[in-house]
Amino acid sequence: MAYFRAVDFERDDLGERLAGAGFQQNPPAFFTWLGVVPYLTQEAIGNTLDYMESIQNSEVVFDYMEPPEAFSEEFAD
């Protein structure tokens, strides 16, 4: 079963938002968190990952960006 719920990761409690959609924490869960992480504070990322980790046998796929200064000059252009 898939649950889709609009969440402001900076302000909302993810667990409460998902529970409001009927999500239950008992069975394993798979989270798709694409296109979100680069726009969040470290605190919001940490809180969200902590919640996902609290669900036994949960998995998550997410993407992130490295700042341009993290790359060598040959890849910076």
C-alpha atoms as a PDB file:
ATOM      1  CA  MET A   1       0.000   0.000   0.000  1.00  0.00           C
ATOM      2  CA  ALA A   2       1.321   3.462  -0.840  1.00  0.00           C
ATOM      3  CA  TYR A   3       0.785   6.566   1.277  1.00  0.00           C
ATOM      4  CA  PHE A   4       1.218  10.013  -0.180  1.00  0.00           C
ATOM      5  CA  ARG A   5       1.069  12.990   2.113  1.00  0.00           C
ATOM      6  CA  ALA A   6       2.200  16.578   1.673  1.00  0.00           C
ATOM      7  CA  VAL A   7       4.817  17.327   4.327  1.00  0.00           C
ATOM      8  CA  ASP A   8       6.800  20.426   5.186  1.00  0.00           C
ATOM      9  CA  PHE A   9       9.886  18.693   6.541  1.00  0.00           C
ATOM     10  CA  GLU A  10      11.020  21.914   8.219  1.00  0.00           C
ATOM     11  CA  ARG A  11       7.785  22.371  10.198  1.00  0.00           C
ATOM     12  CA  ASP A  12       5.625  19.229  10.204  1.00  0.00           C
ATOM     13  CA  ASP A  13       5.995  16.110  12.306  1.00  0.00           C
ATOM     14  CA  LEU A  14       6.412  13.367   9.703  1.00  0.00           C
ATOM     15  CA  GLY A  15       5.007  10.654  11.963  1.00  0.00           C
ATOM     16  CA  GLU A  16       1.850  12.658  12.663  1.00  0.00           C
ATOM     17  CA  ARG A  17       1.357  13.521   8.978  1.00  0.00           C
ATOM     18  CA  LEU A  18       1.717   9.887   7.919  1.00  0.00           C
ATOM     19  CA  ALA A  19      -0.515   8.614  10.730  1.00  0.00           C
ATOM     20  CA  GLY A  20      -3.173  11.059   9.517  1.00  0.00           C
ATOM     21  CA  ALA A  21      -3.059   9.259   6.153  1.00  0.00           C
ATOM     22  CA  GLY A  22      -3.497   5.844   7.799  1.00  0.00           C
ATOM     23  CA  PHE A  23       0.174   4.818   7.868  1.00  0.00           C
ATOM     24  CA  GLN A  24       1.086   2.337  10.606  1.00  0.00           C
ATOM     25  CA  GLN A  25       4.627   1.897  11.923  1.00  0.00           C
ATOM     26  CA  ASN A  26       4.434  -1.850  12.546  1.00  0.00           C
ATOM     27  CA  PRO A  27       5.097  -3.313   9.084  1.00  0.00           C
ATOM     28  CA  PRO A  28       8.345  -2.587   7.215  1.00  0.00           C
ATOM     29  CA  ALA A  29       8.314   0.587   5.126  1.00  0.00           C
ATOM     30  CA  PHE A  30      10.099   1.902   2.057  1.00  0.00           C
ATOM     31  CA  PHE A  31      10.497   5.671   1.695  1.00  0.00           C
ATOM     32  CA  THR A  32      11.238   7.423  -1.588  1.00  0.00           C
ATOM     33  CA  TRP A  33      12.693  10.811  -0.713  1.00  0.00           C
ATOM     34  CA  LEU A  34      13.924  12.141  -4.048  1.00  0.00           C
ATOM     35  CA  GLY A  35      14.457  15.791  -4.906  1.00  0.00           C
ATOM     36  CA  VAL A  36      13.999  16.950  -1.314  1.00  0.00           C
ATOM     37  CA  VAL A  37      17.198  16.683   0.729  1.00  0.00           C
ATOM     38  CA  PRO A  38      19.179  19.446  -1.043  1.00  0.00           C
ATOM     39  CA  TYR A  39      16.582  21.994   0.050  1.00  0.00           C
ATOM     40  CA  LEU A  40      16.447  21.121   3.760  1.00  0.00           C
ATOM     41  CA  THR A  41      18.398  22.105   6.824  1.00  0.00           C
ATOM     42  CA  GLN A  42      20.593  19.512   8.485  1.00  0.00           C
ATOM     43  CA  GLU A  43      18.178  19.470  11.412  1.00  0.00           C
ATOM     44  CA  ALA A  44      15.183  18.625   9.203  1.00  0.00           C
ATOM     45  CA  ILE A  45      17.171  15.921   7.413  1.00  0.00           C
ATOM     46  CA  GLY A  46      18.285  14.414  10.721  1.00  0.00           C
ATOM     47  CA  ASN A  47      14.784  14.460  12.205  1.00  0.00           C
ATOM     48  CA  THR A  48      13.308  12.814   9.129  1.00  0.00           C
ATOM     49  CA  LEU A  49      15.967  10.112   8.948  1.00  0.00           C
ATOM     50  CA  ASP A  50      15.555   9.472  12.690  1.00  0.00           C
ATOM     51  CA  TYR A  51      11.838   8.867  12.148  1.00  0.00           C
ATOM     52  CA  MET A  52      12.463   6.542   9.207  1.00  0.00           C
ATOM     53  CA  GLU A  53      15.053   4.661  11.239  1.00  0.00           C
ATOM     54  CA  SER A  54      12.549   4.190  14.074  1.00  0.00           C
ATOM     55  CA  ILE A  55      10.497   1.878  11.851  1.00  0.00           C
ATOM     56  CA  GLN A  56      11.902  -1.621  12.027  1.00  0.00           C
ATOM     57  CA  ASN A  57      13.094  -2.954   8.656  1.00  0.00           C
ATOM     58  CA  SER A  58      12.472   0.366   6.913  1.00  0.00           C
ATOM     59  CA  GLU A  59      14.468   1.476   3.900  1.00  0.00           C
ATOM     60  CA  VAL A  60      14.909   4.839   2.217  1.00  0.00           C
ATOM     61  CA  VAL A  61      16.248   6.033  -1.096  1.00  0.00           C
ATOM     62  CA  PHE A  62      17.247   9.695  -1.370  1.00  0.00           C
ATOM     63  CA  ASP A  63      19.463  11.978  -3.385  1.00  0.00           C
ATOM     64  CA  TYR A  64      21.649  14.883  -2.367  1.00  0.00           C
ATOM     65  CA  MET A  65      23.980  17.413  -3.918  1.00  0.00           C
ATOM     66  CA  GLU A  66      27.586  18.181  -3.235  1.00  0.00           C
ATOM     67  CA  PRO A  67      28.531  21.867  -3.288  1.00  0.00           C
ATOM     68  CA  PRO A  68      30.578  22.836  -6.362  1.00  0.00           C
ATOM     69  CA  GLU A  69      33.661  23.458  -4.218  1.00  0.00           C
ATOM     70  CA  ALA A  70      33.664  19.743  -3.306  1.00  0.00           C
ATOM     71  CA  PHE A  71      34.645  18.825  -6.882  1.00  0.00           C
ATOM     72  CA  SER A  72      38.000  19.122  -8.586  1.00  0.00           C
ATOM     73  CA  GLU A  73      38.484  21.908 -11.100  1.00  0.00           C
ATOM     74  CA  GLU A  74      38.012  19.543 -14.046  1.00  0.00           C
ATOM     75  CA  PHE A  75      34.405  18.852 -12.959  1.00  0.00           C
ATOM     76  CA  ALA A  76      33.587  22.372 -11.760  1.00  0.00           C
ATOM     77  CA  ASP A  77      32.777  23.741 -15.225  1.00  0.00           C
END
